[in-house]
Amino acid sequence: MCSLFCLCHFLAIDLSLFRFITTELTRGYFLEHNEAKYTERREKVYTCLRIPKELEKLMTFGFFLCLDAFLYVFTLLPLRVILALLRLLTLPCCGLSGSRLLQPAQVCDVLKGFIMVLCYSMMSYVDYSMMYHLIRGQSVIKLYIIYNMLEVADRLFSSFGQDILDALYWTATEPKEKKRAHIGVIPHFLMAVLYVFLHAILIMVQATTLNVAFNSHNKSLLTIMMSNNFVEIKGSVFKKFEKNNLFQMSNSDIKERFTNCILLLIVCLRNMEQFSWNSDHLWVLFPDVVMVLGSEVAVDVVKHAFITKFNDISADVYGEYKASLAFDLVSSRQKNAYTDYSDSVSRRMGFIPLPLALLLIRVVMSSVKIQGSLSFMCVLLFYLGMITLKVLNSIVLLGTSCMFVKEANMEEKLFDPPPSAVSSQPTADKGGISTASDDTQTANMAENSDPTLPKSDSDKFLTTPDEDDDKIINVNTGLEEDGLEHRRPKKDLLEIDRFTICGNRID
């Protein structure tokens, strides 16, 4: 009896095990039961595949925008300065035709020209060779730390430098009937000269460090500097990004890529000079140049792909970024433009062309010896070629920008006044009396009469870090409210500069 029971128990276990194995081999499932989830995952894959193409379109467009602003310093700015000085010299003969000796744009051009001349005369006392040997004598780790410090200092200089230049331009062109609220044009001019000189020295140290990395025997420093780009991925992809933050990062990447190209050009010029302009040495440098630029492109693609994936940002947002950059170019060509395009690029991308152009002029003048009439003829032809390139680049960019603005339906914004002018104009009632103070009092009364406000010091509005920043929770009601909306409105892309705080940080 006992043996029969054991046999039945064994058969039951065997049948259960057989049934389990059969079920595991034949069971099925239906993905359409969770169609939304899998559709979303597929769209994320398609978005990641679209990112390289859309990103490189934006990068290419932004690169040529930076090139246009950079070529302006070498080509049209000297001609505009000469025309402004001729106007200033011929005024006694022609008589004053207006209240201004020079137009505001001409004043800004003359100031830029004087800044470049003074800073170049100061840069001529800086010995590039001594700086190179001084940096080359340092250890690899110390140079790596120095290079990272220089990158941080470059961002700080760029953020404050454009403010210094804008303050100088406005101080020099401010209408005389306005109340004097500044320290004078000369102090602002001296601050601008000091800034451009120091920023040019900083970029020179960056270029020298990169040159040392290229000329090192084991290329260890160059490898460490390139690995710094991949560390950037770790510090970016695992953060919360909104559209405005990604716009800032895209502008920063455009500026960084263009600046790296100019630094590599400076490195190649210095190395070619040391090898008596032997073309064979250029092919020795070519693999390292491609490696640096290739790693930069790869890091940008991976970084943007994962940022858009983790934050559910569509690849179409890069089209909006192109339209915003194109809007700056188109608006600067209007008759009622309130800024020069090169200054607009400086604010939007953090790219200030004056220090970089000053350094390139210094390196070219020290590397290329001009002797004889034939050399001067070559320089003249090269200058005419640069003007031709600048004009052609501007024409193509303007046509492309008009197309982007039209596709984004932003034509009406071209005729809008600046945001500051709109916000500074008080509204008036029928009697012509400003109602700005009345609106403020009404808003304050509405806030004081809000029944959901805390009644004691112990009652607080608690922000929830896991939710959207615009949502707050009232501890009395436990309900979400949009109370932060009036204090921190979301900015339009046209209001986002390179160093505008978006959310709680600058990217």
Protein backbone atom coordinates (compact mmCIF):
# COMPACT_ATOMS: atom_id res chain seq x y z
CA MET A 1 0.00 0.00 0.00
CA CYS A 2 2.81 2.34 0.88
CA SER A 3 4.67 1.54 -2.32
CA LEU A 4 1.53 2.20 -4.36
CA PHE A 5 1.14 5.60 -2.70
CA CYS A 6 4.75 6.48 -3.44
CA LEU A 7 4.32 5.46 -7.06
CA CYS A 8 1.23 7.64 -7.46
CA HIS A 9 3.00 10.54 -5.80
CA PHE A 10 6.00 10.14 -8.12
CA LEU A 11 3.74 10.03 -11.17
CA ALA A 12 1.95 13.17 -10.00
CA ILE A 13 5.24 15.01 -9.57
CA ASP A 14 6.45 13.75 -12.91
CA LEU A 15 3.26 14.88 -14.64
CA SER A 16 3.45 18.29 -12.94
CA LEU A 17 7.06 18.74 -14.00
CA PHE A 18 6.23 17.64 -17.53
CA ARG A 19 3.28 20.03 -17.63
CA PHE A 20 5.47 22.89 -16.36
CA ILE A 21 8.15 22.27 -18.99
CA THR A 22 5.50 21.98 -21.69
CA THR A 23 3.93 25.25 -20.58
CA GLU A 24 7.27 27.03 -20.59
CA LEU A 25 7.97 25.82 -24.12
CA THR A 26 4.56 26.62 -25.57
CA ARG A 27 3.27 29.62 -23.63
CA GLY A 28 2.72 32.86 -25.52
CA TYR A 29 2.06 36.55 -24.91
CA PHE A 30 0.62 39.44 -26.88
CA LEU A 31 2.55 42.70 -27.16
CA GLU A 32 -0.55 44.54 -28.34
CA HIS A 33 -1.92 44.30 -24.81
CA ASN A 34 0.55 47.10 -23.95
CA GLU A 35 0.68 48.79 -27.32
CA ALA A 36 1.35 52.30 -25.98
CA LYS A 37 4.45 51.24 -24.08
CA TYR A 38 6.10 49.47 -27.00
CA THR A 39 5.15 52.22 -29.42
CA GLU A 40 6.83 54.73 -27.13
CA ARG A 41 9.97 52.60 -26.96
CA ARG A 42 10.09 52.34 -30.73
CA GLU A 43 9.71 56.10 -31.09
CA LYS A 44 12.61 56.61 -28.69
CA VAL A 45 14.77 54.39 -30.88
CA TYR A 46 13.77 56.35 -33.97
CA THR A 47 14.48 59.61 -32.15
CA CYS A 48 17.97 58.44 -31.22
CA LEU A 49 18.59 57.48 -34.83
CA ARG A 50 17.45 60.92 -36.01
CA ILE A 51 19.55 62.85 -33.50
CA PRO A 52 22.91 62.67 -35.37
CA LYS A 53 21.38 64.04 -38.57
CA GLU A 54 19.36 66.82 -36.91
CA LEU A 55 22.19 67.73 -34.55
CA GLU A 56 24.77 68.00 -37.31
CA LYS A 57 22.39 70.20 -39.31
CA LEU A 58 22.23 72.57 -36.36
CA MET A 59 25.97 72.34 -35.75
CA THR A 60 26.77 73.07 -39.39
CA PHE A 61 24.43 76.05 -39.48
CA GLY A 62 25.80 77.39 -36.20
CA PHE A 63 29.39 76.80 -37.31
CA PHE A 64 28.92 79.00 -40.37
CA LEU A 65 27.19 81.62 -38.23
CA CYS A 66 30.30 81.76 -36.02
CA LEU A 67 32.48 81.82 -39.13
CA ASP A 68 30.50 84.77 -40.48
CA ALA A 69 30.95 86.73 -37.24
CA PHE A 70 34.64 85.76 -37.13
CA LEU A 71 35.35 86.81 -40.73
CA TYR A 72 33.58 90.10 -40.09
CA VAL A 73 36.43 91.15 -37.77
CA PHE A 74 39.02 90.64 -40.53
CA THR A 75 37.11 91.87 -43.57
CA LEU A 76 34.27 94.35 -43.11
CA LEU A 77 35.18 95.80 -39.71
CA PRO A 78 38.42 97.47 -40.94
CA LEU A 79 36.56 98.96 -43.91
CA ARG A 80 33.76 100.24 -41.68
CA VAL A 81 36.30 101.80 -39.31
CA ILE A 82 38.01 103.55 -42.23
CA LEU A 83 34.68 104.88 -43.50
CA ALA A 84 33.77 106.14 -40.03
CA LEU A 85 37.12 107.91 -39.63
CA LEU A 86 36.79 109.46 -43.10
CA ARG A 87 33.36 110.77 -42.15
CA LEU A 88 34.81 112.19 -38.95
CA LEU A 89 37.65 113.91 -40.84
CA THR A 90 35.46 115.33 -43.60
CA LEU A 91 32.81 116.78 -41.29
CA PRO A 92 34.57 120.18 -40.95
CA CYS A 93 34.55 120.52 -44.74
CA CYS A 94 31.00 119.32 -45.31
CA GLY A 95 29.41 120.81 -42.21
CA LEU A 96 27.32 119.05 -39.60
CA SER A 97 24.28 117.47 -41.20
CA GLY A 98 22.78 116.23 -37.96
CA SER A 99 23.09 116.17 -34.23
CA ARG A 100 25.54 113.25 -34.23
CA LEU A 101 29.11 113.26 -35.45
CA LEU A 102 28.90 109.52 -36.06
CA GLN A 103 26.03 107.08 -36.11
CA PRO A 104 25.82 104.66 -33.16
CA ALA A 105 26.92 101.72 -35.32
CA GLN A 106 29.94 103.70 -36.52
CA VAL A 107 30.89 104.59 -32.96
CA CYS A 108 30.80 100.91 -32.01
CA ASP A 109 32.92 100.02 -35.04
CA VAL A 110 35.54 102.65 -34.18
CA LEU A 111 35.67 101.40 -30.59
CA LYS A 112 36.17 97.82 -31.79
CA GLY A 113 38.94 98.96 -34.12
CA PHE A 114 40.75 100.88 -31.37
CA ILE A 115 40.42 97.91 -29.02
CA MET A 116 41.96 95.58 -31.60
CA VAL A 117 44.85 97.97 -32.32
CA LEU A 118 45.68 98.57 -28.66
CA CYS A 119 45.40 94.91 -27.72
CA TYR A 120 47.57 93.85 -30.66
CA SER A 121 50.27 96.29 -29.59
CA MET A 122 50.09 94.80 -26.09
CA MET A 123 50.15 91.23 -27.44
CA SER A 124 53.35 91.95 -29.37
CA TYR A 125 55.20 91.96 -26.04
CA VAL A 126 54.06 88.42 -25.21
CA ASP A 127 56.66 85.81 -26.17
CA TYR A 128 54.89 82.74 -27.55
CA SER A 129 58.08 80.64 -27.62
CA MET A 130 58.86 81.30 -23.98
CA MET A 131 55.30 80.39 -23.04
CA TYR A 132 55.57 77.16 -25.03
CA HIS A 133 58.75 76.02 -23.30
CA LEU A 134 57.40 77.05 -19.91
CA ILE A 135 54.30 74.91 -20.39
CA ARG A 136 56.24 72.03 -21.92
CA GLY A 137 58.35 71.74 -18.78
CA GLN A 138 55.32 70.90 -16.64
CA SER A 139 54.14 67.39 -15.83
CA VAL A 140 51.29 65.74 -17.70
CA ILE A 141 48.86 65.76 -14.78
CA LYS A 142 49.60 69.40 -14.04
CA LEU A 143 48.96 70.33 -17.68
CA TYR A 144 45.67 68.40 -17.63
CA ILE A 145 44.55 70.34 -14.56
CA ILE A 146 45.66 73.61 -16.13
CA TYR A 147 43.71 72.87 -19.31
CA ASN A 148 40.52 72.17 -17.35
CA MET A 149 40.99 75.37 -15.37
CA LEU A 150 41.44 77.28 -18.61
CA GLU A 151 38.14 75.93 -19.96
CA VAL A 152 36.31 77.12 -16.86
CA ALA A 153 38.05 80.50 -17.01
CA ASP A 154 37.13 80.83 -20.69
CA ARG A 155 33.43 80.43 -19.85
CA LEU A 156 33.67 82.98 -17.06
CA PHE A 157 35.48 85.44 -19.32
CA SER A 158 32.89 84.96 -22.06
CA SER A 159 29.97 85.48 -19.69
CA PHE A 160 31.35 88.75 -18.30
CA GLY A 161 33.19 89.96 -21.39
CA GLN A 162 30.15 90.56 -23.56
CA ASP A 163 28.58 92.54 -20.72
CA ILE A 164 31.69 94.74 -20.62
CA LEU A 165 31.55 95.33 -24.37
CA ASP A 166 27.80 96.01 -24.34
CA ALA A 167 28.25 98.47 -21.48
CA LEU A 168 30.94 100.27 -23.49
CA TYR A 169 28.81 100.46 -26.63
CA TRP A 170 25.77 101.77 -24.78
CA THR A 171 27.79 104.28 -22.75
CA ALA A 172 29.38 105.66 -25.92
CA THR A 173 26.11 105.90 -27.88
CA GLU A 174 23.62 106.75 -25.14
CA PRO A 175 21.57 109.87 -25.99
CA LYS A 176 22.88 112.96 -24.24
CA GLU A 177 19.48 114.01 -22.95
CA LYS A 178 19.38 110.96 -20.70
CA LYS A 179 20.51 111.29 -17.10
CA ARG A 180 24.15 110.37 -16.58
CA ALA A 181 24.26 107.03 -14.75
CA HIS A 182 27.69 105.70 -15.71
CA ILE A 183 31.35 106.20 -14.89
CA GLY A 184 32.30 107.51 -18.32
CA VAL A 185 33.38 106.21 -21.70
CA ILE A 186 37.12 106.10 -20.99
CA PRO A 187 36.89 103.79 -17.92
CA HIS A 188 34.57 101.47 -19.86
CA PHE A 189 36.98 101.53 -22.80
CA LEU A 190 39.94 100.65 -20.57
CA MET A 191 37.97 97.78 -19.03
CA ALA A 192 37.14 96.48 -22.51
CA VAL A 193 40.79 96.67 -23.60
CA LEU A 194 41.90 94.85 -20.46
CA TYR A 195 39.25 92.17 -20.94
CA VAL A 196 40.09 91.48 -24.60
CA PHE A 197 43.80 91.34 -23.81
CA LEU A 198 43.39 88.95 -20.86
CA HIS A 199 40.96 86.73 -22.78
CA ALA A 200 43.38 86.58 -25.72
CA ILE A 201 46.19 85.58 -23.34
CA LEU A 202 43.98 82.85 -21.89
CA ILE A 203 43.20 81.45 -25.34
CA MET A 204 46.90 81.62 -26.19
CA VAL A 205 47.69 79.45 -23.16
CA GLN A 206 45.00 77.01 -24.31
CA ALA A 207 46.50 76.86 -27.80
CA THR A 208 50.00 76.43 -26.36
CA THR A 209 48.87 73.56 -24.13
CA LEU A 210 47.23 71.88 -27.11
CA ASN A 211 50.43 72.40 -29.11
CA VAL A 212 52.46 70.73 -26.36
CA ALA A 213 50.02 67.80 -26.43
CA PHE A 214 50.49 67.44 -30.19
CA ASN A 215 54.27 67.51 -29.95
CA SER A 216 54.61 65.10 -27.01
CA HIS A 217 56.28 61.82 -27.93
CA ASN A 218 53.84 59.37 -26.33
CA LYS A 219 50.69 61.46 -26.96
CA SER A 220 49.62 60.80 -23.36
CA LEU A 221 48.57 64.40 -22.74
CA LEU A 222 46.51 64.48 -25.93
CA THR A 223 44.78 61.24 -24.93
CA ILE A 224 43.98 62.60 -21.47
CA MET A 225 42.62 65.83 -22.93
CA MET A 226 40.41 63.88 -25.34
CA SER A 227 39.14 61.67 -22.52
CA ASN A 228 37.93 64.84 -20.84
CA ASN A 229 35.27 65.06 -23.56
CA PHE A 230 33.90 61.66 -22.59
CA VAL A 231 33.78 62.71 -18.94
CA GLU A 232 31.43 65.44 -20.16
CA ILE A 233 28.92 62.72 -21.10
CA LYS A 234 28.77 61.49 -17.52
CA GLY A 235 28.13 64.99 -16.22
CA SER A 236 25.34 65.74 -18.69
CA VAL A 237 23.20 62.78 -19.68
CA PHE A 238 21.96 61.90 -16.19
CA LYS A 239 20.55 65.36 -15.45
CA LYS A 240 17.08 66.70 -16.04
CA PHE A 241 17.00 68.83 -19.18
CA GLU A 242 14.31 71.03 -20.60
CA LYS A 243 14.17 72.51 -24.07
CA ASN A 244 15.80 75.76 -22.99
CA ASN A 245 18.65 73.97 -21.22
CA LEU A 246 19.29 71.83 -24.29
CA PHE A 247 19.33 75.00 -26.41
CA GLN A 248 22.06 76.45 -24.22
CA MET A 249 24.07 73.25 -24.41
CA SER A 250 23.71 73.16 -28.20
CA ASN A 251 24.98 76.73 -28.48
CA SER A 252 27.88 75.87 -26.20
CA ASP A 253 28.77 72.86 -28.35
CA ILE A 254 28.69 74.99 -31.52
CA LYS A 255 30.98 77.57 -29.97
CA GLU A 256 33.31 74.90 -28.61
CA ARG A 257 33.58 73.15 -31.96
CA PHE A 258 34.38 76.37 -33.82
CA THR A 259 36.89 77.47 -31.19
CA ASN A 260 38.62 74.09 -31.33
CA CYS A 261 38.95 74.42 -35.11
CA ILE A 262 40.65 77.81 -34.72
CA LEU A 263 42.93 76.45 -31.99
CA LEU A 264 43.89 73.53 -34.22
CA LEU A 265 44.60 76.00 -37.03
CA ILE A 266 46.91 77.95 -34.70
CA VAL A 267 48.68 74.73 -33.67
CA CYS A 268 49.21 73.76 -37.31
CA LEU A 269 50.56 77.22 -38.16
CA ARG A 270 53.06 77.13 -35.30
CA ASN A 271 54.23 73.62 -36.16
CA MET A 272 54.53 74.36 -39.86
CA GLU A 273 56.65 77.41 -39.06
CA GLN A 274 59.00 75.30 -36.94
CA PHE A 275 59.45 72.84 -39.84
CA SER A 276 60.00 75.59 -42.46
CA TRP A 277 56.56 75.07 -43.99
CA ASN A 278 57.34 71.53 -45.06
CA SER A 279 54.10 70.03 -46.38
CA ASP A 280 55.13 66.54 -45.26
CA HIS A 281 54.81 67.58 -41.62
CA LEU A 282 51.20 68.59 -42.23
CA TRP A 283 50.34 64.95 -42.91
CA VAL A 284 52.02 64.05 -39.63
CA LEU A 285 49.63 66.39 -37.80
CA PHE A 286 46.59 65.34 -39.81
CA PRO A 287 45.75 62.11 -37.87
CA ASP A 288 45.82 63.94 -34.53
CA VAL A 289 43.62 66.73 -35.89
CA VAL A 290 41.09 64.22 -37.20
CA MET A 291 41.18 62.34 -33.90
CA VAL A 292 40.45 65.49 -31.88
CA LEU A 293 37.60 66.63 -34.14
CA GLY A 294 36.21 63.11 -34.45
CA SER A 295 36.07 62.63 -30.70
CA GLU A 296 34.33 66.00 -30.36
CA VAL A 297 31.65 65.00 -32.88
CA ALA A 298 31.18 61.54 -31.32
CA VAL A 299 30.80 62.96 -27.82
CA ASP A 300 28.25 65.54 -28.99
CA VAL A 301 26.16 62.91 -30.78
CA VAL A 302 26.14 60.48 -27.86
CA LYS A 303 25.46 63.24 -25.34
CA HIS A 304 22.52 64.73 -27.22
CA ALA A 305 21.08 61.32 -28.12
CA PHE A 306 20.84 60.20 -24.50
CA ILE A 307 19.70 63.59 -23.20
CA THR A 308 16.77 63.59 -25.62
CA LYS A 309 16.03 59.95 -24.75
CA PHE A 310 15.99 60.40 -20.98
CA ASN A 311 14.01 63.66 -21.10
CA ASP A 312 11.51 62.70 -23.82
CA ILE A 313 12.57 65.55 -26.12
CA SER A 314 11.72 65.21 -29.79
CA ALA A 315 14.38 65.54 -32.47
CA ASP A 316 12.25 68.27 -34.06
CA VAL A 317 13.43 70.64 -31.34
CA TYR A 318 16.67 71.16 -33.25
CA GLY A 319 14.63 72.72 -36.04
CA GLU A 320 13.34 75.25 -33.52
CA TYR A 321 16.90 75.96 -32.44
CA LYS A 322 17.91 76.64 -36.04
CA ALA A 323 14.95 78.98 -36.45
CA SER A 324 15.94 80.90 -33.31
CA LEU A 325 19.52 81.35 -34.53
CA ALA A 326 18.25 82.30 -37.98
CA PHE A 327 15.93 84.87 -36.44
CA ASP A 328 18.94 86.69 -34.94
CA LEU A 329 20.58 86.94 -38.35
CA VAL A 330 17.44 88.12 -40.15
CA SER A 331 16.50 90.65 -37.47
CA SER A 332 20.01 92.17 -37.53
CA ARG A 333 19.58 92.97 -41.23
CA GLN A 334 16.47 95.11 -40.68
CA LYS A 335 16.45 98.89 -40.65
CA ASN A 336 15.20 98.97 -37.06
CA ALA A 337 17.87 96.53 -35.82
CA TYR A 338 19.08 97.28 -32.31
CA THR A 339 22.28 95.21 -32.33
CA ASP A 340 25.01 94.03 -34.65
CA TYR A 341 24.92 90.42 -35.72
CA SER A 342 28.35 89.60 -34.29
CA ASP A 343 27.22 90.88 -30.90
CA SER A 344 24.02 88.85 -31.19
CA VAL A 345 26.07 85.69 -31.79
CA SER A 346 28.20 86.56 -28.77
CA ARG A 347 25.17 86.76 -26.51
CA ARG A 348 23.42 83.71 -27.94
CA MET A 349 26.38 81.32 -28.10
CA GLY A 350 28.91 82.88 -25.76
CA PHE A 351 31.28 83.27 -28.72
CA ILE A 352 33.20 86.56 -28.63
CA PRO A 353 35.27 86.86 -31.83
CA LEU A 354 37.56 89.75 -30.81
CA PRO A 355 40.00 87.83 -28.52
CA LEU A 356 40.17 84.83 -30.85
CA ALA A 357 40.72 87.04 -33.90
CA LEU A 358 43.39 88.99 -32.04
CA LEU A 359 45.28 85.80 -31.20
CA LEU A 360 45.06 84.52 -34.78
CA ILE A 361 46.41 87.82 -36.12
CA ARG A 362 49.26 87.66 -33.60
CA VAL A 363 50.17 84.09 -34.59
CA VAL A 364 49.94 84.75 -38.33
CA MET A 365 52.06 87.90 -38.11
CA SER A 366 54.74 86.05 -36.14
CA SER A 367 54.66 82.94 -38.33
CA VAL A 368 54.50 84.49 -41.80
CA LYS A 369 57.22 86.88 -42.92
CA ILE A 370 56.09 89.50 -45.45
CA GLN A 371 58.97 90.79 -47.57
CA GLY A 372 58.92 92.29 -51.03
CA SER A 373 56.20 93.51 -53.33
CA LEU A 374 55.17 89.99 -54.30
CA SER A 375 54.39 89.16 -50.68
CA PHE A 376 52.25 92.27 -50.34
CA MET A 377 50.42 91.33 -53.52
CA CYS A 378 49.72 87.86 -52.09
CA VAL A 379 48.43 89.41 -48.87
CA LEU A 380 46.13 91.69 -50.87
CA LEU A 381 44.79 88.78 -52.89
CA PHE A 382 44.28 86.77 -49.71
CA TYR A 383 42.37 89.67 -48.15
CA LEU A 384 40.15 89.99 -51.23
CA GLY A 385 39.54 86.25 -51.07
CA MET A 386 38.48 86.55 -47.43
CA ILE A 387 36.07 89.36 -48.32
CA THR A 388 34.64 87.21 -51.10
CA LEU A 389 34.23 84.28 -48.73
CA LYS A 390 32.57 86.54 -46.16
CA VAL A 391 30.11 87.98 -48.68
CA LEU A 392 29.21 84.59 -50.15
CA ASN A 393 28.82 83.06 -46.70
CA SER A 394 26.59 85.95 -45.60
CA ILE A 395 24.38 85.66 -48.70
CA VAL A 396 23.90 81.91 -48.28
CA LEU A 397 23.28 82.24 -44.55
CA LEU A 398 20.77 85.04 -45.04
CA GLY A 399 18.81 83.06 -47.61
CA THR A 400 18.87 79.93 -45.46
CA SER A 401 17.86 81.91 -42.38
CA CYS A 402 14.90 83.48 -44.16
CA MET A 403 13.76 79.99 -45.13
CA PHE A 404 14.07 78.74 -41.54
CA VAL A 405 12.19 81.75 -40.17
CA LYS A 406 9.42 81.30 -42.71
CA GLU A 407 9.09 77.58 -41.95
CA ALA A 408 8.81 78.36 -38.24
CA ASN A 409 6.15 81.07 -38.87
CA MET A 410 8.24 83.72 -37.11
CA GLU A 411 7.89 86.53 -39.66
CA GLU A 412 5.56 88.54 -37.44
CA LYS A 413 8.10 88.60 -34.62
CA LEU A 414 10.53 90.46 -36.86
CA PHE A 415 8.41 93.59 -36.48
CA ASP A 416 7.94 93.30 -32.73
CA PRO A 417 9.88 95.70 -30.47
CA PRO A 418 12.57 94.30 -28.17
CA PRO A 419 11.24 92.44 -25.12
CA SER A 420 12.71 95.03 -22.75
CA ALA A 421 10.88 97.83 -24.53
CA VAL A 422 7.59 95.99 -24.29
CA SER A 423 7.95 95.23 -20.60
CA SER A 424 9.09 98.74 -19.70
CA GLN A 425 6.10 100.54 -21.24
CA PRO A 426 3.40 101.21 -18.63
CA THR A 427 -0.21 100.84 -19.62
CA ALA A 428 -2.47 103.87 -19.46
CA ASP A 429 -6.17 104.20 -18.88
CA LYS A 430 -8.55 106.40 -20.81
CA GLY A 431 -7.47 109.48 -18.93
CA GLY A 432 -3.85 108.97 -19.92
CA ILE A 433 -2.75 108.06 -16.39
CA SER A 434 -0.44 105.11 -15.95
CA THR A 435 -2.10 102.14 -14.32
CA ALA A 436 1.06 100.18 -13.55
CA SER A 437 0.88 101.00 -9.85
CA ASP A 438 -2.83 100.21 -9.75
CA ASP A 439 -2.19 96.82 -11.29
CA THR A 440 0.51 96.17 -8.73
CA GLN A 441 -1.80 97.11 -5.88
CA THR A 442 -4.55 94.94 -7.31
CA ALA A 443 -2.18 92.00 -7.58
CA ASN A 444 -1.01 92.52 -4.00
CA MET A 445 -4.61 92.69 -2.75
CA ALA A 446 -5.41 89.51 -4.63
CA GLU A 447 -2.45 87.77 -3.04
CA ASN A 448 -3.41 88.97 0.42
CA SER A 449 -7.00 87.84 -0.01
CA ASP A 450 -6.10 84.38 -1.30
CA PRO A 451 -7.64 81.92 1.17
CA THR A 452 -5.08 79.24 0.36
CA LEU A 453 -2.14 81.24 1.66
CA PRO A 454 -0.64 80.06 4.97
CA LYS A 455 -2.04 81.71 8.07
CA SER A 456 1.01 81.20 10.30
CA ASP A 457 4.76 80.95 10.11
CA SER A 458 4.62 77.20 10.50
CA ASP A 459 2.58 76.81 7.32
CA LYS A 460 4.83 76.62 4.27
CA PHE A 461 4.59 75.98 0.58
CA LEU A 462 6.64 72.88 -0.04
CA THR A 463 8.17 72.26 -3.44
CA THR A 464 8.37 68.70 -4.63
CA PRO A 465 11.65 67.86 -6.39
CA ASP A 466 10.12 64.87 -8.16
CA GLU A 467 7.41 66.90 -9.87
CA ASP A 468 7.48 69.77 -12.30
CA ASP A 469 9.11 72.94 -11.02
CA ASP A 470 5.98 74.98 -11.68
CA LYS A 471 3.90 72.88 -9.26
CA ILE A 472 3.72 73.63 -5.55
CA ILE A 473 1.75 71.92 -2.81
CA ASN A 474 -0.21 73.76 -0.17
CA VAL A 475 0.00 71.93 3.14
CA ASN A 476 -3.43 73.25 4.16
CA THR A 477 -5.28 71.81 1.17
CA GLY A 478 -2.84 69.19 -0.11
CA LEU A 479 -3.54 70.37 -3.66
CA GLU A 480 -1.10 71.35 -6.40
CA GLU A 481 -1.07 74.98 -7.43
CA ASP A 482 0.66 77.04 -10.10
CA GLY A 483 1.86 79.64 -7.62
CA LEU A 484 5.38 79.83 -9.01
CA GLU A 485 4.22 80.68 -12.49
CA HIS A 486 4.16 84.44 -11.91
CA ARG A 487 7.60 84.38 -10.34
CA ARG A 488 9.43 82.17 -12.80
CA PRO A 489 7.78 82.20 -16.22
CA LYS A 490 9.10 79.89 -18.88
CA LYS A 491 11.22 81.82 -21.34
CA ASP A 492 10.87 81.79 -25.08
CA LEU A 493 13.86 80.54 -27.07
CA LEU A 494 14.46 84.05 -28.41
CA GLU A 495 15.02 85.24 -24.83
CA ILE A 496 17.59 82.55 -24.01
CA ASP A 497 21.20 83.69 -24.15
CA ARG A 498 24.21 81.51 -23.53
CA PHE A 499 24.43 82.44 -19.85
CA THR A 500 20.73 82.86 -19.04
CA ILE A 501 19.66 80.82 -16.02
CA CYS A 502 17.09 78.26 -17.17
CA GLY A 503 15.38 76.38 -14.39
CA ASN A 504 18.03 76.48 -11.70
CA ARG A 505 21.26 76.27 -13.69
CA ILE A 506 23.19 77.29 -16.80
CA ASP A 507 24.16 74.53 -19.25
